[in-house]
PDB file of N, CA and C in Angstrom:
ATOM      1  N   MET A   1       0.844  -1.265   0.063  1.00  0.00           N
ATOM      2  CA  MET A   1      -0.018  -0.116  -0.124  1.00  0.00           C
ATOM      3  C   MET A   1       0.907   1.185   0.011  1.00  0.00           C
ATOM      4  N   SER A   2       0.537   2.169  -0.967  1.00  0.00           N
ATOM      5  CA  SER A   2       1.572   3.554  -0.937  1.00  0.00           C
ATOM      6  C   SER A   2       0.752   4.646  -0.528  1.00  0.00           C
ATOM      7  N   ALA A   3      -0.366   4.585   0.210  1.00  0.00           N
ATOM      8  CA  ALA A   3      -1.134   5.702   0.669  1.00  0.00           C
ATOM      9  C   ALA A   3      -0.318   6.594   1.664  1.00  0.00           C
ATOM     10  N   ALA A   4      -0.660   7.870   1.558  1.00  0.00           N
ATOM     11  CA  ALA A   4       0.299   8.729   2.625  1.00  0.00           C
ATOM     12  C   ALA A   4      -0.386   8.360   3.993  1.00  0.00           C
ATOM     13  N   ARG A   5       0.747   8.329   4.735  1.00  0.00           N
ATOM     14  CA  ARG A   5       0.158   8.173   6.252  1.00  0.00           C
ATOM     15  C   ARG A   5      -0.205   9.424   7.014  1.00  0.00           C
ATOM     16  N   LYS A   6      -1.161   9.101   7.726  1.00  0.00           N
ATOM     17  CA  LYS A   6      -1.993  10.203   8.256  1.00  0.00           C
ATOM     18  C   LYS A   6      -2.122  10.151   9.774  1.00  0.00           C
ATOM     19  N   VAL A   7      -1.648   8.732  10.236  1.00  0.00           N
ATOM     20  CA  VAL A   7      -1.964   8.479  11.729  1.00  0.00           C
ATOM     21  C   VAL A   7      -0.484   8.192  12.292  1.00  0.00           C
ATOM     22  N   LEU A   8      -0.538   8.814  13.499  1.00  0.00           N
ATOM     23  CA  LEU A   8       0.794   8.865  14.342  1.00  0.00           C
ATOM     24  C   LEU A   8       0.476   8.134  15.550  1.00  0.00           C
ATOM     25  N   ILE A   9       1.013   7.191  15.981  1.00  0.00           N
ATOM     26  CA  ILE A   9       0.555   6.496  17.354  1.00  0.00           C
ATOM     27  C   ILE A   9       1.888   6.890  18.215  1.00  0.00           C
ATOM     28  N   TYR A  10       1.436   7.541  19.176  1.00  0.00           N
ATOM     29  CA  TYR A  10       2.446   7.847  20.331  1.00  0.00           C
ATOM     30  C   TYR A  10       2.484   6.773  21.293  1.00  0.00           C
ATOM     31  N   GLY A  11       3.573   6.552  21.922  1.00  0.00           N
ATOM     32  CA  GLY A  11       3.676   5.356  22.887  1.00  0.00           C
ATOM     33  C   GLY A  11       3.335   4.224  22.327  1.00  0.00           C
ATOM     34  N   ALA A  12       3.650   3.884  20.867  1.00  0.00           N
ATOM     35  CA  ALA A  12       3.120   2.621  20.077  1.00  0.00           C
ATOM     36  C   ALA A  12       3.883   1.411  20.745  1.00  0.00           C
ATOM     37  N   ASN A  13       5.023   1.278  21.489  1.00  0.00           N
ATOM     38  CA  ASN A  13       5.416   0.255  21.813  1.00  0.00           C
ATOM     39  C   ASN A  13       4.763  -0.296  23.244  1.00  0.00           C
ATOM     40  N   GLY A  14       3.879   0.417  23.666  1.00  0.00           N
ATOM     41  CA  GLY A  14       3.049   0.078  24.982  1.00  0.00           C
ATOM     42  C   GLY A  14       1.781  -0.668  24.448  1.00  0.00           C
ATOM     43  N   TYR A  15       1.232  -1.281  25.389  1.00  0.00           N
ATOM     44  CA  TYR A  15      -0.152  -2.172  25.277  1.00  0.00           C
ATOM     45  C   TYR A  15      -1.089  -1.682  24.444  1.00  0.00           C
ATOM     46  N   THR A  16      -1.504  -0.443  24.909  1.00  0.00           N
ATOM     47  CA  THR A  16      -2.564   0.338  23.870  1.00  0.00           C
ATOM     48  C   THR A  16      -2.216   0.736  22.527  1.00  0.00           C
ATOM     49  N   GLY A  17      -0.960   1.071  22.546  1.00  0.00           N
ATOM     50  CA  GLY A  17      -0.505   1.522  21.321  1.00  0.00           C
ATOM     51  C   GLY A  17      -0.311   0.304  20.276  1.00  0.00           C
ATOM     52  N   LYS A  18       0.171  -0.912  20.747  1.00  0.00           N
ATOM     53  CA  LYS A  18       0.184  -2.059  19.906  1.00  0.00           C
ATOM     54  C   LYS A  18      -1.349  -2.604  19.304  1.00  0.00           C
ATOM     55  N   LEU A  19      -2.269  -2.252  20.322  1.00  0.00           N
ATOM     56  CA  LEU A  19      -3.638  -2.652  20.014  1.00  0.00           C
ATOM     57  C   LEU A  19      -4.135  -1.697  18.957  1.00  0.00           C
ATOM     58  N   ILE A  20      -4.023  -0.438  19.212  1.00  0.00           N
ATOM     59  CA  ILE A  20      -4.208   0.495  17.921  1.00  0.00           C
ATOM     60  C   ILE A  20      -3.565   0.289  16.697  1.00  0.00           C
ATOM     61  N   ALA A  21      -2.276  -0.346  16.734  1.00  0.00           N
ATOM     62  CA  ALA A  21      -1.534  -0.549  15.332  1.00  0.00           C
ATOM     63  C   ALA A  21      -2.065  -1.724  14.771  1.00  0.00           C
ATOM     64  N   GLU A  22      -2.575  -2.728  15.691  1.00  0.00           N
ATOM     65  CA  GLU A  22      -3.066  -3.860  15.137  1.00  0.00           C
ATOM     66  C   GLU A  22      -4.490  -3.614  14.567  1.00  0.00           C
ATOM     67  N   SER A  23      -5.221  -2.770  14.997  1.00  0.00           N
ATOM     68  CA  SER A  23      -6.461  -2.393  14.660  1.00  0.00           C
ATOM     69  C   SER A  23      -6.250  -1.566  13.064  1.00  0.00           C
ATOM     70  N   LEU A  24      -5.371  -0.776  13.019  1.00  0.00           N
ATOM     71  CA  LEU A  24      -5.005  -0.011  11.820  1.00  0.00           C
ATOM     72  C   LEU A  24      -4.654  -0.991  10.752  1.00  0.00           C
ATOM     73  N   ALA A  25      -3.594  -1.947  11.114  1.00  0.00           N
ATOM     74  CA  ALA A  25      -3.037  -2.858  10.276  1.00  0.00           C
ATOM     75  C   ALA A  25      -4.262  -3.748   9.696  1.00  0.00           C
ATOM     76  N   GLY A  26      -5.104  -4.084  10.410  1.00  0.00           N
ATOM     77  CA  GLY A  26      -6.314  -5.100  10.064  1.00  0.00           C
ATOM     78  C   GLY A  26      -7.289  -4.179   8.920  1.00  0.00           C
ATOM     79  N   ARG A  27      -7.142  -2.806   8.943  1.00  0.00           N
ATOM     80  CA  ARG A  27      -7.897  -2.042   8.108  1.00  0.00           C
ATOM     81  C   ARG A  27      -7.311  -1.452   7.003  1.00  0.00           C
ATOM     82  N   ASN A  28      -5.875  -1.990   6.968  1.00  0.00           N
ATOM     83  CA  ASN A  28      -4.911  -1.701   5.897  1.00  0.00           C
ATOM     84  C   ASN A  28      -4.770  -0.069   5.810  1.00  0.00           C
ATOM     85  N   ILE A  29      -4.590   0.383   7.023  1.00  0.00           N
ATOM     86  CA  ILE A  29      -4.446   2.147   7.049  1.00  0.00           C
ATOM     87  C   ILE A  29      -2.932   2.184   7.387  1.00  0.00           C
ATOM     88  N   PRO A  30      -2.218   2.896   6.706  1.00  0.00           N
ATOM     89  CA  PRO A  30      -0.661   2.984   6.973  1.00  0.00           C
ATOM     90  C   PRO A  30      -0.638   4.037   8.222  1.00  0.00           C
ATOM     91  N   PHE A  31       0.513   3.796   8.821  1.00  0.00           N
ATOM     92  CA  PHE A  31       0.699   4.539   9.912  1.00  0.00           C
ATOM     93  C   PHE A  31       2.234   4.672  10.527  1.00  0.00           C
ATOM     94  N   PHE A  32       2.496   5.717  11.374  1.00  0.00           N
ATOM     95  CA  PHE A  32       3.905   5.927  11.947  1.00  0.00           C
ATOM     96  C   PHE A  32       3.468   5.466  13.388  1.00  0.00           C
ATOM     97  N   MET A  33       4.682   4.980  13.856  1.00  0.00           N
ATOM     98  CA  MET A  33       4.670   4.442  15.290  1.00  0.00           C
ATOM     99  C   MET A  33       5.729   5.337  15.892  1.00  0.00           C
ATOM    100  N   ALA A  34       5.396   6.157  17.158  1.00  0.00           N
ATOM    101  CA  ALA A  34       6.307   6.923  17.559  1.00  0.00           C
ATOM    102  C   ALA A  34       6.792   6.594  19.138  1.00  0.00           C
ATOM    103  N   GLY A  35       7.836   6.777  19.580  1.00  0.00           N
ATOM    104  CA  GLY A  35       8.092   6.396  21.146  1.00  0.00           C
ATOM    105  C   GLY A  35       9.562   6.851  21.406  1.00  0.00           C
ATOM    106  N   ARG A  36       9.961   6.509  22.546  1.00  0.00           N
ATOM    107  CA  ARG A  36      11.165   7.023  23.148  1.00  0.00           C
ATOM    108  C   ARG A  36      12.294   6.201  22.646  1.00  0.00           C
ATOM    109  N   THR A  37      12.113   5.017  22.418  1.00  0.00           N
ATOM    110  CA  THR A  37      13.147   3.943  22.095  1.00  0.00           C
ATOM    111  C   THR A  37      12.972   3.430  20.941  1.00  0.00           C
ATOM    112  N   ARG A  38      13.813   3.677  19.758  1.00  0.00           N
ATOM    113  CA  ARG A  38      13.714   2.932  18.606  1.00  0.00           C
ATOM    114  C   ARG A  38      13.543   1.344  18.444  1.00  0.00           C
ATOM    115  N   ALA A  39      14.366   0.739  19.283  1.00  0.00           N
ATOM    116  CA  ALA A  39      14.489  -0.633  19.529  1.00  0.00           C
ATOM    117  C   ALA A  39      13.302  -1.046  19.816  1.00  0.00           C
ATOM    118  N   ARG A  40      12.590  -0.602  20.846  1.00  0.00           N
ATOM    119  CA  ARG A  40      11.461  -0.971  21.302  1.00  0.00           C
ATOM    120  C   ARG A  40      10.204  -0.859  20.333  1.00  0.00           C
ATOM    121  N   LEU A  41      10.297   0.110  19.617  1.00  0.00           N
ATOM    122  CA  LEU A  41       9.441   0.467  18.461  1.00  0.00           C
ATOM    123  C   LEU A  41       9.538  -0.618  17.461  1.00  0.00           C
ATOM    124  N   GLU A  42      10.537  -0.920  17.054  1.00  0.00           N
ATOM    125  CA  GLU A  42      10.811  -1.989  16.031  1.00  0.00           C
ATOM    126  C   GLU A  42      10.504  -3.283  16.793  1.00  0.00           C
ATOM    127  N   ALA A  43      10.640  -3.587  17.921  1.00  0.00           N
ATOM    128  CA  ALA A  43      10.015  -4.872  18.456  1.00  0.00           C
ATOM    129  C   ALA A  43       8.678  -4.928  18.607  1.00  0.00           C
ATOM    130  N   ALA A  44       7.964  -3.745  18.841  1.00  0.00           N
ATOM    131  CA  ALA A  44       6.513  -3.685  19.054  1.00  0.00           C
ATOM    132  C   ALA A  44       5.896  -3.834  17.483  1.00  0.00           C
ATOM    133  N   LEU A  45       6.683  -3.332  16.338  1.00  0.00           N
ATOM    134  CA  LEU A  45       6.196  -3.402  15.003  1.00  0.00           C
ATOM    135  C   LEU A  45       6.359  -4.963  14.639  1.00  0.00           C
ATOM    136  N   ALA A  46       7.158  -5.623  14.955  1.00  0.00           N
ATOM    137  CA  ALA A  46       7.444  -7.151  14.848  1.00  0.00           C
ATOM    138  C   ALA A  46       6.407  -7.802  15.530  1.00  0.00           C
ATOM    139  N   VAL A  47       5.939  -7.552  16.679  1.00  0.00           N
ATOM    140  CA  VAL A  47       4.798  -8.336  17.191  1.00  0.00           C
ATOM    141  C   VAL A  47       3.497  -7.924  16.638  1.00  0.00           C
ATOM    142  N   VAL A  48       3.179  -6.805  16.071  1.00  0.00           N
ATOM    143  CA  VAL A  48       2.162  -6.353  15.266  1.00  0.00           C
ATOM    144  C   VAL A  48       2.066  -7.342  14.078  1.00  0.00           C
ATOM    145  N   GLU A  49       3.309  -7.270  13.352  1.00  0.00           N
ATOM    146  CA  GLU A  49       3.362  -8.054  12.131  1.00  0.00           C
ATOM    147  C   GLU A  49       2.932  -9.487  12.248  1.00  0.00           C
ATOM    148  N   GLU A  50       3.736  -9.998  13.307  1.00  0.00           N
ATOM    149  CA  GLU A  50       3.380 -11.577  13.708  1.00  0.00           C
ATOM    150  C   GLU A  50       1.795 -11.809  13.951  1.00  0.00           C
ATOM    151  N   ARG A  51       1.280 -10.935  14.840  1.00  0.00           N
ATOM    152  CA  ARG A  51      -0.010 -11.256  15.096  1.00  0.00           C
ATOM    153  C   ARG A  51      -1.036 -10.978  13.791  1.00  0.00           C
ATOM    154  N   HIS A  52      -0.467  -9.976  12.866  1.00  0.00           N
ATOM    155  CA  HIS A  52      -1.429  -9.678  11.749  1.00  0.00           C
ATOM    156  C   HIS A  52      -1.159 -10.695  10.588  1.00  0.00           C
ATOM    157  N   GLY A  53       0.057 -11.516  10.657  1.00  0.00           N
ATOM    158  CA  GLY A  53       0.221 -12.509   9.791  1.00  0.00           C
ATOM    159  C   GLY A  53       0.795 -12.009   8.594  1.00  0.00           C
ATOM    160  N   GLN A  54       1.469 -10.773   8.263  1.00  0.00           N
ATOM    161  CA  GLN A  54       2.047 -10.425   7.037  1.00  0.00           C
ATOM    162  C   GLN A  54       2.851  -8.977   7.516  1.00  0.00           C
ATOM    163  N   ALA A  55       3.533  -8.589   6.502  1.00  0.00           N
ATOM    164  CA  ALA A  55       4.052  -7.211   6.646  1.00  0.00           C
ATOM    165  C   ALA A  55       3.010  -6.021   6.891  1.00  0.00           C
ATOM    166  N   VAL A  56       3.266  -5.064   7.600  1.00  0.00           N
ATOM    167  CA  VAL A  56       2.485  -3.937   7.890  1.00  0.00           C
ATOM    168  C   VAL A  56       2.927  -2.704   7.382  1.00  0.00           C
ATOM    169  N   ASP A  57       2.192  -1.780   6.718  1.00  0.00           N
ATOM    170  CA  ASP A  57       2.633  -0.613   6.154  1.00  0.00           C
ATOM    171  C   ASP A  57       2.755   0.427   7.390  1.00  0.00           C
ATOM    172  N   ALA A  58       3.949   0.273   7.907  1.00  0.00           N
ATOM    173  CA  ALA A  58       4.279   1.122   8.899  1.00  0.00           C
ATOM    174  C   ALA A  58       5.598   1.567   9.151  1.00  0.00           C
ATOM    175  N   SER A  59       5.778   2.881   9.800  1.00  0.00           N
ATOM    176  CA  SER A  59       7.221   3.464   9.805  1.00  0.00           C
ATOM    177  C   SER A  59       7.461   3.698  11.288  1.00  0.00           C
ATOM    178  N   CYS A  60       8.790   3.469  11.981  1.00  0.00           N
ATOM    179  CA  CYS A  60       8.943   3.799  13.328  1.00  0.00           C
ATOM    180  C   CYS A  60       9.863   5.040  13.211  1.00  0.00           C
ATOM    181  N   ALA A  61       9.568   5.925  14.373  1.00  0.00           N
ATOM    182  CA  ALA A  61      10.251   7.273  14.647  1.00  0.00           C
ATOM    183  C   ALA A  61      10.282   7.180  15.965  1.00  0.00           C
ATOM    184  N   GLY A  62      11.791   7.283  16.212  1.00  0.00           N
ATOM    185  CA  GLY A  62      12.227   7.354  17.582  1.00  0.00           C
ATOM    186  C   GLY A  62      12.754   8.733  17.931  1.00  0.00           C
ATOM    187  N   PRO A  63      13.423   8.971  19.055  1.00  0.00           N
ATOM    188  CA  PRO A  63      13.913  10.321  19.201  1.00  0.00           C
ATOM    189  C   PRO A  63      14.992  10.852  18.189  1.00  0.00           C
ATOM    190  N   GLY A  64      14.919  11.993  17.728  1.00  0.00           N
ATOM    191  CA  GLY A  64      15.615  12.694  16.830  1.00  0.00           C
ATOM    192  C   GLY A  64      15.492  12.343  15.404  1.00  0.00           C
ATOM    193  N   LYS A  65      14.517  11.401  15.026  1.00  0.00           N
ATOM    194  CA  LYS A  65      14.272  11.046  13.751  1.00  0.00           C
ATOM    195  C   LYS A  65      12.812  11.533  13.316  1.00  0.00           C
ATOM    196  N   VAL A  66      12.941  12.334  12.393  1.00  0.00           N
ATOM    197  CA  VAL A  66      11.467  12.654  11.535  1.00  0.00           C
ATOM    198  C   VAL A  66      11.269  11.642  10.496  1.00  0.00           C
ATOM    199  N   PRO A  67       9.964  11.017  10.634  1.00  0.00           N
ATOM    200  CA  PRO A  67       9.541  10.047   9.766  1.00  0.00           C
ATOM    201  C   PRO A  67       9.275  10.691   8.377  1.00  0.00           C
ATOM    202  N   SER A  68       9.477   9.863   7.341  1.00  0.00           N
ATOM    203  CA  SER A  68       9.138  10.457   6.064  1.00  0.00           C
ATOM    204  C   SER A  68       8.226   9.279   5.437  1.00  0.00           C
ATOM    205  N   GLY A  69       7.249   9.753   4.553  1.00  0.00           N
ATOM    206  CA  GLY A  69       6.345   8.756   3.893  1.00  0.00           C
ATOM    207  C   GLY A  69       5.034   9.042   4.366  1.00  0.00           C
TER     208      GLY A  69
END
C-alpha cells in the first residue's frame, strides 16, 4: 500500500499502542509508530506483524528522527 500516512501512534510500543497498531493494520491503514526508544518500537512492530500474519505498512520514529512517507 502506498497511501500517505496520516496516523501517528504515540507510545506505540506500549499495550494500548500495539492494540491501535493492530487495528489499523487490520484495516490496511498506513501509520507511523512513535516512542522514546527505536529498538522497542521496532520490536513492537514485529509483534504487530506477527499477530497480523504479514508485513504492515508502518514506519517507526524514535527520538531525533523525523519520519518520512
